[in-house]
């Protein structure tokens, strides 16, 4: 039932023109910006920004119709939606990866494997943070009151980077001194914890929410 809802959820929002334009935006970032890995980072930010889109349909009685037709549990809806967002994220990363390799070939540049690994790990951490922050809030209060949470992960990441640079904590020497395995492990941990905790809290909050 969870996979069935995931398919239903994806068909309701993932193939709309606005969503496909965001995938095109990822490709544009990879084409315009000469820095390898930027398209992969953009794919994570796009996934973070698109996370609230499925909840707009919920407030248009889409889930009410579904509840009236199928014996589906709220936990199934939460897990299925989390899966649909993650699948969109995989599609976004696939687009970013294709553009990254094509542009490296066009520009006759060699891609450093370490850069790609860190880019993928950072993207996973960003998506995990987005799911951990946004999913519980959106399932608790809905799209109208919770849609501005979409900007929280971006603000936290950008603000943290700015403060770190201003304080001298973040810099070229800082990153060069960090072990690759440690960075990847930390990003993976953030991603897994964010997705797990966010989905768990969303199940709890949505189960206690009174639907009108």
N, C-alpha and C. Protein backbone atom coordinates (compact mmCIF):
# COMPACT_ATOMS: atom_id res chain seq x y z
N UNK A 1 0.82 -1.21 0.00
CA UNK A 1 0.00 0.00 0.00
C UNK A 1 0.86 1.27 0.00
N UNK A 2 2.01 1.18 0.69
CA UNK A 2 2.90 2.35 0.74
C UNK A 2 3.43 2.71 -0.65
N UNK A 3 3.87 1.70 -1.40
CA UNK A 3 4.38 1.95 -2.75
C UNK A 3 3.28 2.43 -3.67
N UNK A 4 2.07 1.91 -3.47
CA UNK A 4 0.93 2.36 -4.28
C UNK A 4 0.66 3.84 -4.03
N UNK A 5 0.72 4.25 -2.77
CA UNK A 5 0.52 5.67 -2.48
C UNK A 5 1.67 6.51 -3.03
N UNK A 6 2.88 5.98 -2.97
CA UNK A 6 4.03 6.71 -3.52
C UNK A 6 3.82 6.99 -5.00
N UNK A 7 3.37 5.99 -5.74
CA UNK A 7 3.09 6.20 -7.18
C UNK A 7 1.98 7.22 -7.36
N UNK A 8 0.93 7.10 -6.57
CA UNK A 8 -0.17 8.06 -6.64
C UNK A 8 0.31 9.47 -6.35
N UNK A 9 1.14 9.61 -5.33
CA UNK A 9 1.63 10.92 -4.93
C UNK A 9 2.51 11.53 -6.02
N UNK A 10 3.41 10.74 -6.58
CA UNK A 10 4.30 11.24 -7.62
C UNK A 10 3.53 11.71 -8.84
N UNK A 11 2.52 10.95 -9.25
CA UNK A 11 1.76 11.33 -10.44
C UNK A 11 0.95 12.61 -10.23
N UNK A 12 0.71 12.97 -8.98
CA UNK A 12 -0.11 14.14 -8.70
C UNK A 12 0.67 15.45 -8.71
N UNK A 13 2.00 15.38 -8.55
CA UNK A 13 2.76 16.63 -8.49
C UNK A 13 4.11 16.59 -9.21
N UNK A 14 4.71 15.43 -9.35
CA UNK A 14 6.09 15.38 -9.86
C UNK A 14 6.20 15.64 -11.36
N UNK A 15 5.12 15.47 -12.10
CA UNK A 15 5.21 15.60 -13.55
C UNK A 15 4.54 16.88 -14.06
N UNK A 16 4.29 17.82 -13.16
CA UNK A 16 3.73 19.09 -13.58
C UNK A 16 4.81 19.99 -14.17
N UNK A 17 4.37 20.98 -14.94
CA UNK A 17 5.32 21.84 -15.65
C UNK A 17 6.26 22.57 -14.69
N UNK A 18 5.70 23.05 -13.56
CA UNK A 18 6.54 23.78 -12.62
C UNK A 18 7.65 22.89 -12.05
N UNK A 19 7.31 21.64 -11.79
CA UNK A 19 8.30 20.72 -11.24
C UNK A 19 9.38 20.39 -12.27
N UNK A 20 8.96 20.17 -13.50
CA UNK A 20 9.92 19.87 -14.56
C UNK A 20 10.82 21.06 -14.85
N UNK A 21 10.29 22.27 -14.67
CA UNK A 21 11.11 23.46 -14.86
C UNK A 21 12.23 23.54 -13.82
N UNK A 22 11.96 23.03 -12.63
CA UNK A 22 13.00 23.00 -11.61
C UNK A 22 14.12 22.05 -11.99
N UNK A 23 13.77 20.94 -12.63
CA UNK A 23 14.81 20.03 -13.13
C UNK A 23 15.63 20.71 -14.22
N UNK A 24 14.94 21.50 -15.06
CA UNK A 24 15.66 22.25 -16.09
C UNK A 24 16.58 23.30 -15.45
N UNK A 25 16.14 23.86 -14.33
CA UNK A 25 16.98 24.84 -13.61
C UNK A 25 18.27 24.20 -13.12
N UNK A 26 18.18 22.95 -12.66
CA UNK A 26 19.38 22.23 -12.23
C UNK A 26 20.36 22.10 -13.39
N UNK A 27 19.82 21.73 -14.55
CA UNK A 27 20.66 21.61 -15.74
C UNK A 27 21.29 22.95 -16.10
N UNK A 28 20.51 24.02 -15.97
CA UNK A 28 21.03 25.36 -16.29
C UNK A 28 22.18 25.74 -15.36
N UNK A 29 22.06 25.41 -14.08
CA UNK A 29 23.13 25.69 -13.13
C UNK A 29 24.41 24.97 -13.55
N UNK A 30 24.28 23.72 -13.94
CA UNK A 30 25.45 22.95 -14.36
C UNK A 30 26.07 23.48 -15.63
N UNK A 31 25.26 24.07 -16.49
CA UNK A 31 25.77 24.61 -17.76
C UNK A 31 26.43 25.97 -17.57
N UNK A 32 25.78 26.83 -16.78
CA UNK A 32 26.25 28.21 -16.64
C UNK A 32 27.45 28.32 -15.70
N UNK A 33 27.37 27.66 -14.55
CA UNK A 33 28.44 27.78 -13.56
C UNK A 33 29.57 26.81 -13.88
N UNK A 34 30.79 27.28 -13.94
CA UNK A 34 31.91 26.41 -14.33
C UNK A 34 32.44 25.53 -13.20
N UNK A 35 31.90 25.69 -11.99
CA UNK A 35 32.42 24.94 -10.84
C UNK A 35 31.79 23.55 -10.82
N UNK A 36 32.58 22.49 -10.92
CA UNK A 36 32.02 21.14 -10.87
C UNK A 36 31.35 20.87 -9.52
N UNK A 37 30.23 20.19 -9.57
CA UNK A 37 29.51 19.86 -8.35
C UNK A 37 28.40 20.82 -8.00
N UNK A 38 28.34 21.98 -8.66
CA UNK A 38 27.30 22.95 -8.34
C UNK A 38 25.92 22.44 -8.72
N UNK A 39 25.83 21.70 -9.82
CA UNK A 39 24.53 21.15 -10.22
C UNK A 39 24.03 20.14 -9.20
N UNK A 40 24.95 19.38 -8.62
CA UNK A 40 24.57 18.40 -7.60
C UNK A 40 24.06 19.11 -6.35
N UNK A 41 24.73 20.19 -5.96
CA UNK A 41 24.25 20.98 -4.83
C UNK A 41 22.90 21.60 -5.13
N UNK A 42 22.73 22.07 -6.37
CA UNK A 42 21.45 22.65 -6.77
C UNK A 42 20.33 21.62 -6.72
N UNK A 43 20.63 20.37 -7.05
CA UNK A 43 19.60 19.33 -7.02
C UNK A 43 19.08 19.13 -5.61
N UNK A 44 19.96 19.24 -4.61
CA UNK A 44 19.53 19.10 -3.22
C UNK A 44 18.66 20.28 -2.79
N UNK A 45 19.05 21.48 -3.19
CA UNK A 45 18.26 22.66 -2.84
C UNK A 45 16.90 22.64 -3.52
N UNK A 46 16.85 22.19 -4.76
CA UNK A 46 15.57 22.08 -5.47
C UNK A 46 14.67 21.06 -4.78
N UNK A 47 15.24 19.94 -4.36
CA UNK A 47 14.45 18.94 -3.63
C UNK A 47 13.91 19.52 -2.34
N UNK A 48 14.73 20.31 -1.66
CA UNK A 48 14.29 20.97 -0.44
C UNK A 48 13.14 21.94 -0.70
N UNK A 49 13.24 22.68 -1.80
CA UNK A 49 12.21 23.67 -2.12
C UNK A 49 10.92 23.03 -2.61
N UNK A 50 11.01 21.86 -3.24
CA UNK A 50 9.82 21.21 -3.81
C UNK A 50 9.08 20.40 -2.77
N UNK A 51 9.66 20.23 -1.59
CA UNK A 51 9.09 19.32 -0.60
C UNK A 51 7.68 19.71 -0.18
N UNK A 52 7.38 20.99 -0.19
CA UNK A 52 6.05 21.42 0.24
C UNK A 52 5.00 21.29 -0.85
N UNK A 53 5.41 21.10 -2.10
CA UNK A 53 4.47 21.07 -3.22
C UNK A 53 3.37 20.02 -3.08
N UNK A 54 3.67 18.77 -2.66
CA UNK A 54 2.60 17.78 -2.55
C UNK A 54 1.52 18.16 -1.55
N UNK A 55 1.86 18.97 -0.57
CA UNK A 55 0.89 19.32 0.48
C UNK A 55 -0.14 20.32 -0.02
N UNK A 56 0.16 21.02 -1.10
CA UNK A 56 -0.83 21.93 -1.68
C UNK A 56 -2.03 21.14 -2.18
N UNK A 57 -1.79 19.99 -2.81
CA UNK A 57 -2.89 19.15 -3.28
C UNK A 57 -3.71 18.59 -2.14
N UNK A 58 -3.08 18.37 -0.98
CA UNK A 58 -3.83 17.86 0.17
C UNK A 58 -4.92 18.83 0.59
N UNK A 59 -4.63 20.12 0.50
CA UNK A 59 -5.61 21.12 0.91
C UNK A 59 -6.65 21.37 -0.17
N UNK A 60 -6.50 20.71 -1.29
CA UNK A 60 -7.53 20.75 -2.34
C UNK A 60 -8.35 19.47 -2.33
N UNK A 61 -8.41 18.83 -1.16
CA UNK A 61 -9.25 17.64 -0.92
C UNK A 61 -8.79 16.40 -1.66
N UNK A 62 -7.54 16.37 -2.10
CA UNK A 62 -7.07 15.17 -2.79
C UNK A 62 -6.98 13.99 -1.83
N UNK A 63 -6.46 14.21 -0.64
CA UNK A 63 -6.37 13.12 0.33
C UNK A 63 -7.73 12.75 0.89
N UNK A 64 -8.63 13.73 1.01
CA UNK A 64 -9.98 13.39 1.47
C UNK A 64 -10.64 12.40 0.53
N UNK A 65 -10.45 12.62 -0.77
CA UNK A 65 -11.00 11.69 -1.76
C UNK A 65 -10.35 10.32 -1.63
N UNK A 66 -9.03 10.32 -1.41
CA UNK A 66 -8.32 9.05 -1.28
C UNK A 66 -8.78 8.28 -0.04
N UNK A 67 -8.94 8.99 1.08
CA UNK A 67 -9.40 8.33 2.30
C UNK A 67 -10.81 7.76 2.13
N UNK A 68 -11.61 8.43 1.30
CA UNK A 68 -12.97 7.95 1.08
C UNK A 68 -13.06 6.75 0.17
N UNK A 69 -12.00 6.51 -0.61
CA UNK A 69 -12.02 5.41 -1.59
C UNK A 69 -11.24 4.20 -1.08
N UNK A 70 -10.09 4.43 -0.44
CA UNK A 70 -9.22 3.33 -0.03
C UNK A 70 -9.05 3.30 1.49
N UNK A 71 -8.93 2.12 2.06
CA UNK A 71 -8.65 1.99 3.50
C UNK A 71 -7.16 2.19 3.78
N UNK A 72 -6.70 3.42 3.71
CA UNK A 72 -5.27 3.72 3.83
C UNK A 72 -5.01 4.41 5.17
N UNK A 73 -3.93 4.04 5.82
CA UNK A 73 -3.60 4.62 7.12
C UNK A 73 -2.79 5.90 6.95
N UNK A 74 -2.78 6.72 7.98
CA UNK A 74 -2.03 7.96 7.91
C UNK A 74 -0.52 7.71 7.88
N UNK A 75 -0.08 6.69 8.58
CA UNK A 75 1.35 6.37 8.55
C UNK A 75 1.80 5.97 7.16
N UNK A 76 0.92 5.29 6.42
CA UNK A 76 1.22 4.93 5.03
C UNK A 76 1.38 6.17 4.18
N UNK A 77 0.53 7.16 4.42
CA UNK A 77 0.61 8.42 3.67
C UNK A 77 1.93 9.12 3.95
N UNK A 78 2.33 9.17 5.21
CA UNK A 78 3.57 9.86 5.58
C UNK A 78 4.79 9.17 4.96
N UNK A 79 4.88 7.86 5.13
CA UNK A 79 6.02 7.13 4.60
C UNK A 79 6.03 7.18 3.07
N UNK A 80 4.85 7.05 2.47
CA UNK A 80 4.76 7.11 1.01
C UNK A 80 5.18 8.46 0.47
N UNK A 81 4.80 9.52 1.18
CA UNK A 81 5.21 10.86 0.73
C UNK A 81 6.70 11.07 0.89
N UNK A 82 7.25 10.60 1.99
CA UNK A 82 8.70 10.70 2.17
C UNK A 82 9.43 9.99 1.04
N UNK A 83 8.93 8.82 0.66
CA UNK A 83 9.54 8.07 -0.44
C UNK A 83 9.42 8.83 -1.76
N UNK A 84 8.26 9.45 -1.99
CA UNK A 84 8.08 10.19 -3.25
C UNK A 84 9.03 11.37 -3.33
N UNK A 85 9.25 12.06 -2.21
CA UNK A 85 10.20 13.18 -2.20
C UNK A 85 11.62 12.69 -2.44
N UNK A 86 11.98 11.57 -1.82
CA UNK A 86 13.32 11.02 -2.01
C UNK A 86 13.53 10.54 -3.44
N UNK A 87 12.49 9.97 -4.05
CA UNK A 87 12.60 9.54 -5.45
C UNK A 87 12.77 10.74 -6.37
N UNK A 88 12.06 11.83 -6.07
CA UNK A 88 12.28 13.05 -6.85
C UNK A 88 13.71 13.54 -6.67
N UNK A 89 14.21 13.45 -5.44
CA UNK A 89 15.59 13.84 -5.19
C UNK A 89 16.58 13.02 -6.00
N UNK A 90 16.32 11.72 -6.12
CA UNK A 90 17.18 10.86 -6.94
C UNK A 90 17.13 11.28 -8.40
N UNK A 91 15.94 11.62 -8.89
CA UNK A 91 15.81 12.09 -10.27
C UNK A 91 16.58 13.39 -10.47
N UNK A 92 16.48 14.28 -9.49
CA UNK A 92 17.20 15.56 -9.57
C UNK A 92 18.71 15.33 -9.58
N UNK A 93 19.19 14.42 -8.75
CA UNK A 93 20.63 14.10 -8.72
C UNK A 93 21.07 13.47 -10.04
N UNK A 94 20.21 12.63 -10.61
CA UNK A 94 20.54 12.00 -11.90
C UNK A 94 20.71 13.06 -12.99
N UNK A 95 19.80 14.04 -13.02
CA UNK A 95 19.92 15.14 -13.98
C UNK A 95 21.22 15.91 -13.73
N UNK A 96 21.48 16.21 -12.47
CA UNK A 96 22.69 16.96 -12.12
C UNK A 96 23.95 16.19 -12.51
N UNK A 97 23.95 14.89 -12.27
CA UNK A 97 25.12 14.08 -12.61
C UNK A 97 25.37 14.06 -14.11
N UNK A 98 24.30 13.88 -14.87
CA UNK A 98 24.43 13.85 -16.33
C UNK A 98 24.99 15.17 -16.85
N UNK A 99 24.45 16.28 -16.35
CA UNK A 99 24.92 17.60 -16.79
C UNK A 99 26.37 17.82 -16.37
N UNK A 100 26.72 17.39 -15.16
CA UNK A 100 28.09 17.56 -14.66
C UNK A 100 29.10 16.85 -15.56
N UNK A 101 28.80 15.61 -15.93
CA UNK A 101 29.74 14.85 -16.77
C UNK A 101 29.77 15.39 -18.20
N UNK A 102 28.62 15.79 -18.72
CA UNK A 102 28.59 16.33 -20.08
C UNK A 102 29.39 17.63 -20.16
N UNK A 103 29.18 18.52 -19.19
CA UNK A 103 29.89 19.80 -19.21
C UNK A 103 31.38 19.62 -18.95
N UNK A 104 31.74 18.63 -18.15
CA UNK A 104 33.17 18.34 -17.96
C UNK A 104 33.81 17.90 -19.27
N UNK A 105 33.07 17.11 -20.03
CA UNK A 105 33.57 16.68 -21.34
C UNK A 105 33.65 17.85 -22.31
N UNK A 106 32.63 18.72 -22.31
CA UNK A 106 32.62 19.88 -23.21
C UNK A 106 33.76 20.83 -22.87
N UNK A 107 34.00 21.05 -21.59
CA UNK A 107 35.04 21.97 -21.15
C UNK A 107 36.42 21.31 -21.06
N UNK A 108 36.47 20.04 -21.37
CA UNK A 108 37.72 19.28 -21.34
C UNK A 108 38.37 19.34 -19.96
N UNK A 109 37.55 19.08 -18.96
CA UNK A 109 38.03 19.09 -17.59
C UNK A 109 37.89 17.69 -16.99
N UNK A 110 38.83 17.37 -16.13
CA UNK A 110 38.76 16.09 -15.44
C UNK A 110 38.10 16.28 -14.08
N UNK A 111 37.11 15.45 -13.80
CA UNK A 111 36.39 15.54 -12.54
C UNK A 111 37.13 14.77 -11.45
N UNK A 112 37.36 15.44 -10.35
CA UNK A 112 38.02 14.78 -9.22
C UNK A 112 37.00 13.90 -8.49
N UNK A 113 37.29 12.63 -8.32
CA UNK A 113 36.34 11.74 -7.62
C UNK A 113 36.02 12.23 -6.21
N UNK A 114 37.00 12.82 -5.52
CA UNK A 114 36.76 13.31 -4.16
C UNK A 114 35.71 14.41 -4.15
N UNK A 115 35.76 15.29 -5.16
CA UNK A 115 34.79 16.37 -5.25
C UNK A 115 33.39 15.83 -5.45
N UNK A 116 33.25 14.84 -6.32
CA UNK A 116 31.94 14.25 -6.57
C UNK A 116 31.40 13.56 -5.32
N UNK A 117 32.27 12.84 -4.62
CA UNK A 117 31.84 12.13 -3.42
C UNK A 117 31.34 13.12 -2.36
N UNK A 118 32.09 14.19 -2.15
CA UNK A 118 31.69 15.20 -1.17
C UNK A 118 30.39 15.89 -1.62
N UNK A 119 30.26 16.15 -2.91
CA UNK A 119 29.05 16.79 -3.42
C UNK A 119 27.82 15.93 -3.18
N UNK A 120 27.93 14.63 -3.47
CA UNK A 120 26.81 13.72 -3.23
C UNK A 120 26.49 13.63 -1.74
N UNK A 121 27.52 13.55 -0.92
CA UNK A 121 27.30 13.45 0.53
C UNK A 121 26.64 14.70 1.08
N UNK A 122 27.11 15.87 0.63
CA UNK A 122 26.52 17.13 1.08
C UNK A 122 25.08 17.26 0.62
N UNK A 123 24.81 16.82 -0.62
CA UNK A 123 23.44 16.87 -1.13
C UNK A 123 22.52 15.99 -0.30
N UNK A 124 22.99 14.81 0.07
CA UNK A 124 22.19 13.91 0.91
C UNK A 124 21.92 14.53 2.28
N UNK A 125 22.92 15.20 2.83
CA UNK A 125 22.74 15.86 4.13
C UNK A 125 21.71 16.98 4.04
N UNK A 126 21.75 17.75 2.95
CA UNK A 126 20.79 18.84 2.77
C UNK A 126 19.37 18.30 2.66
N UNK A 127 19.19 17.24 1.88
CA UNK A 127 17.87 16.64 1.75
C UNK A 127 17.40 16.07 3.09
N UNK A 128 18.30 15.42 3.81
CA UNK A 128 17.94 14.89 5.12
C UNK A 128 17.52 15.99 6.08
N UNK A 129 18.25 17.10 6.06
CA UNK A 129 17.89 18.24 6.90
C UNK A 129 16.53 18.81 6.51
N UNK A 130 16.27 18.89 5.20
CA UNK A 130 14.99 19.41 4.73
C UNK A 130 13.83 18.52 5.16
N UNK A 131 14.00 17.21 5.01
CA UNK A 131 12.95 16.27 5.42
C UNK A 131 12.75 16.35 6.93
N UNK A 132 13.84 16.41 7.68
CA UNK A 132 13.74 16.45 9.13
C UNK A 132 13.04 17.68 9.65
N UNK A 133 13.22 18.82 8.97
CA UNK A 133 12.62 20.07 9.42
C UNK A 133 11.21 20.25 8.86
N UNK A 134 11.04 20.02 7.56
CA UNK A 134 9.79 20.38 6.91
C UNK A 134 8.68 19.35 7.06
N UNK A 135 9.01 18.07 6.93
CA UNK A 135 7.97 17.05 6.90
C UNK A 135 7.09 17.05 8.15
N UNK A 136 7.66 17.09 9.36
CA UNK A 136 6.79 17.11 10.54
C UNK A 136 5.89 18.34 10.59
N UNK A 137 6.44 19.50 10.24
CA UNK A 137 5.66 20.74 10.30
C UNK A 137 4.53 20.72 9.28
N UNK A 138 4.82 20.31 8.06
CA UNK A 138 3.80 20.31 7.02
C UNK A 138 2.70 19.30 7.31
N UNK A 139 3.04 18.16 7.86
CA UNK A 139 2.01 17.19 8.23
C UNK A 139 1.24 17.64 9.47
N UNK A 140 1.84 18.48 10.28
CA UNK A 140 1.15 18.95 11.49
C UNK A 140 0.22 20.10 11.21
N UNK A 141 0.66 21.09 10.44
CA UNK A 141 -0.15 22.30 10.26
C UNK A 141 -0.65 22.48 8.83
N UNK A 142 -0.18 21.70 7.87
CA UNK A 142 -0.64 21.82 6.50
C UNK A 142 0.17 22.81 5.68
N UNK A 143 -0.19 22.91 4.41
CA UNK A 143 0.59 23.71 3.46
C UNK A 143 0.48 25.21 3.75
N UNK A 144 -0.72 25.70 4.00
CA UNK A 144 -0.93 27.14 4.13
C UNK A 144 -0.10 27.74 5.26
N UNK A 145 -0.11 27.09 6.40
CA UNK A 145 0.62 27.63 7.55
C UNK A 145 2.07 27.17 7.62
N UNK A 146 2.39 26.11 6.90
CA UNK A 146 3.74 25.57 7.01
C UNK A 146 4.62 25.75 5.79
N UNK A 147 4.10 26.40 4.75
CA UNK A 147 4.85 26.45 3.49
C UNK A 147 6.14 27.24 3.60
N UNK A 148 6.20 28.21 4.52
CA UNK A 148 7.41 29.02 4.63
C UNK A 148 8.56 28.24 5.28
N UNK A 149 8.26 27.07 5.84
CA UNK A 149 9.32 26.23 6.39
C UNK A 149 10.26 25.73 5.29
N UNK A 150 9.82 25.86 4.03
CA UNK A 150 10.64 25.40 2.92
C UNK A 150 11.98 26.14 2.87
N UNK A 151 12.00 27.36 3.40
CA UNK A 151 13.22 28.16 3.33
C UNK A 151 14.15 27.94 4.52
N UNK A 152 13.68 27.25 5.54
CA UNK A 152 14.49 27.09 6.75
C UNK A 152 15.81 26.36 6.49
N UNK A 153 15.80 25.20 5.80
CA UNK A 153 17.09 24.53 5.56
C UNK A 153 18.08 25.40 4.79
N UNK A 154 17.58 26.11 3.78
CA UNK A 154 18.47 26.98 2.99
C UNK A 154 19.05 28.09 3.87
N UNK A 155 18.19 28.69 4.70
CA UNK A 155 18.64 29.77 5.58
C UNK A 155 19.66 29.25 6.59
N UNK A 156 19.38 28.07 7.15
CA UNK A 156 20.29 27.49 8.15
C UNK A 156 21.66 27.21 7.53
N UNK A 157 21.65 26.61 6.33
CA UNK A 157 22.92 26.26 5.68
C UNK A 157 23.69 27.52 5.27
N UNK A 158 22.98 28.45 4.60
CA UNK A 158 23.64 29.68 4.15
C UNK A 158 24.10 30.52 5.34
N UNK A 159 23.24 30.63 6.35
CA UNK A 159 23.60 31.41 7.54
C UNK A 159 24.76 30.80 8.29
N UNK A 160 24.75 29.48 8.43
CA UNK A 160 25.85 28.80 9.11
C UNK A 160 27.16 28.97 8.38
N UNK A 161 27.11 28.89 7.04
CA UNK A 161 28.33 29.07 6.25
C UNK A 161 28.86 30.50 6.38
N UNK A 162 27.93 31.48 6.37
CA UNK A 162 28.35 32.88 6.49
C UNK A 162 28.99 33.15 7.85
N UNK A 163 28.35 32.66 8.90
CA UNK A 163 28.89 32.86 10.25
C UNK A 163 30.24 32.16 10.39
N UNK A 164 30.35 30.96 9.84
CA UNK A 164 31.61 30.23 9.92
C UNK A 164 32.74 30.94 9.21
N UNK A 165 32.44 31.50 8.04
CA UNK A 165 33.46 32.24 7.30
C UNK A 165 33.83 33.54 8.02
N UNK A 166 32.81 34.23 8.54
CA UNK A 166 33.07 35.49 9.24
C UNK A 166 33.90 35.27 10.50
N UNK A 167 33.69 34.14 11.15
CA UNK A 167 34.42 33.84 12.38
C UNK A 167 35.77 33.18 12.11
N UNK A 168 36.04 32.90 10.84
CA UNK A 168 37.30 32.27 10.48
C UNK A 168 37.34 30.77 10.71
N UNK A 169 36.17 30.21 11.01
CA UNK A 169 36.12 28.76 11.24
C UNK A 169 36.17 27.99 9.93
N UNK A 170 35.47 28.53 8.92
CA UNK A 170 35.42 27.88 7.62
C UNK A 170 36.36 28.59 6.66
N UNK A 171 37.12 27.82 5.93
CA UNK A 171 38.03 28.37 4.93
C UNK A 171 38.68 27.25 4.16
N UNK A 172 39.54 27.63 3.22
CA UNK A 172 40.19 26.62 2.39
C UNK A 172 41.03 25.66 3.24
N UNK A 173 41.73 26.20 4.23
CA UNK A 173 42.56 25.34 5.08
C UNK A 173 41.71 24.41 5.93
N UNK A 174 40.53 24.90 6.32
CA UNK A 174 39.65 24.06 7.14
C UNK A 174 39.22 22.84 6.36
N UNK A 175 38.76 23.05 5.13
CA UNK A 175 38.27 21.94 4.32
C UNK A 175 39.40 20.99 3.93
N UNK A 176 40.56 21.55 3.63
CA UNK A 176 41.68 20.69 3.24
C UNK A 176 42.17 19.83 4.40
N UNK A 177 41.94 20.31 5.62
CA UNK A 177 42.40 19.56 6.80
C UNK A 177 41.43 18.46 7.20
N UNK A 178 40.20 18.52 6.70
CA UNK A 178 39.19 17.53 7.07
C UNK A 178 39.39 16.24 6.28
N UNK A 179 39.34 15.10 6.92
CA UNK A 179 39.46 13.83 6.18
C UNK A 179 38.21 13.56 5.37
N UNK A 180 38.40 13.05 4.16
CA UNK A 180 37.27 12.78 3.28
C UNK A 180 36.28 11.82 3.92
N UNK A 181 36.80 10.77 4.55
CA UNK A 181 35.92 9.78 5.17
C UNK A 181 35.08 10.40 6.28
N UNK A 182 35.67 11.32 7.04
CA UNK A 182 34.93 11.97 8.11
C UNK A 182 33.82 12.85 7.59
N UNK A 183 34.10 13.60 6.52
CA UNK A 183 33.09 14.47 5.93
C UNK A 183 31.92 13.66 5.38
N UNK A 184 32.24 12.60 4.65
CA UNK A 184 31.20 11.75 4.08
C UNK A 184 30.37 11.09 5.18
N UNK A 185 31.04 10.60 6.21
CA UNK A 185 30.32 9.95 7.31
C UNK A 185 29.41 10.93 8.04
N UNK A 186 29.89 12.15 8.26
CA UNK A 186 29.08 13.16 8.94
C UNK A 186 27.85 13.53 8.11
N UNK A 187 28.06 13.73 6.80
CA UNK A 187 26.94 14.06 5.92
C UNK A 187 25.93 12.92 5.84
N UNK A 188 26.44 11.69 5.76
CA UNK A 188 25.55 10.53 5.71
C UNK A 188 24.74 10.42 7.00
N UNK A 189 25.39 10.69 8.13
CA UNK A 189 24.69 10.63 9.41
C UNK A 189 23.60 11.68 9.49
N UNK A 190 23.91 12.90 9.05
CA UNK A 190 22.90 13.97 9.04
C UNK A 190 21.72 13.59 8.17
N UNK A 191 22.01 13.04 6.98
CA UNK A 191 20.94 12.65 6.08
C UNK A 191 20.05 11.57 6.64
N UNK A 192 20.67 10.51 7.16
CA UNK A 192 19.90 9.38 7.71
C UNK A 192 19.09 9.81 8.92
N UNK A 193 19.71 10.55 9.83
CA UNK A 193 19.00 11.00 11.03
C UNK A 193 17.86 11.93 10.67
N UNK A 194 18.11 12.86 9.75
CA UNK A 194 17.06 13.79 9.35
C UNK A 194 15.86 13.09 8.74
N UNK A 195 16.12 12.16 7.84
CA UNK A 195 15.02 11.44 7.19
C UNK A 195 14.27 10.56 8.19
N UNK A 196 15.02 9.85 9.03
CA UNK A 196 14.39 8.94 10.00
C UNK A 196 13.59 9.70 11.05
N UNK A 197 14.21 10.70 11.66
CA UNK A 197 13.53 11.46 12.71
C UNK A 197 12.37 12.27 12.12
N UNK A 198 12.60 12.90 10.97
CA UNK A 198 11.54 13.69 10.35
C UNK A 198 10.33 12.86 10.00
N UNK A 199 10.56 11.69 9.43
CA UNK A 199 9.44 10.81 9.08
C UNK A 199 8.74 10.30 10.33
N UNK A 200 9.51 9.93 11.35
CA UNK A 200 8.90 9.46 12.59
C UNK A 200 8.05 10.52 13.26
N UNK A 201 8.56 11.75 13.34
CA UNK A 201 7.78 12.83 13.93
C UNK A 201 6.54 13.15 13.10
N UNK A 202 6.69 13.08 11.77
CA UNK A 202 5.55 13.35 10.90
C UNK A 202 4.44 12.33 11.11
N UNK A 203 4.81 11.06 11.27
CA UNK A 203 3.81 10.02 11.55
C UNK A 203 3.07 10.34 12.84
N UNK A 204 3.80 10.74 13.85
CA UNK A 204 3.18 11.04 15.15
C UNK A 204 2.28 12.27 15.06
N UNK A 205 2.78 13.35 14.45
CA UNK A 205 2.01 14.58 14.36
C UNK A 205 0.77 14.42 13.48
N UNK A 206 0.93 13.74 12.36
CA UNK A 206 -0.20 13.57 11.44
C UNK A 206 -1.26 12.65 12.05
N UNK A 207 -0.81 11.68 12.83
CA UNK A 207 -1.76 10.79 13.49
C UNK A 207 -2.61 11.52 14.52
N UNK A 208 -2.05 12.57 15.13
CA UNK A 208 -2.79 13.33 16.14
C UNK A 208 -3.54 14.52 15.56
N UNK A 209 -3.36 14.78 14.29
CA UNK A 209 -3.99 15.95 13.67
C UNK A 209 -5.44 15.67 13.33
N UNK A 210 -6.27 16.66 13.59
CA UNK A 210 -7.69 16.54 13.26
C UNK A 210 -7.91 17.06 11.85
N UNK A 211 -8.34 16.18 10.96
CA UNK A 211 -8.59 16.57 9.57
C UNK A 211 -10.01 17.11 9.43
N UNK A 212 -10.13 18.17 8.65
CA UNK A 212 -11.45 18.78 8.44
C UNK A 212 -11.98 18.42 7.07
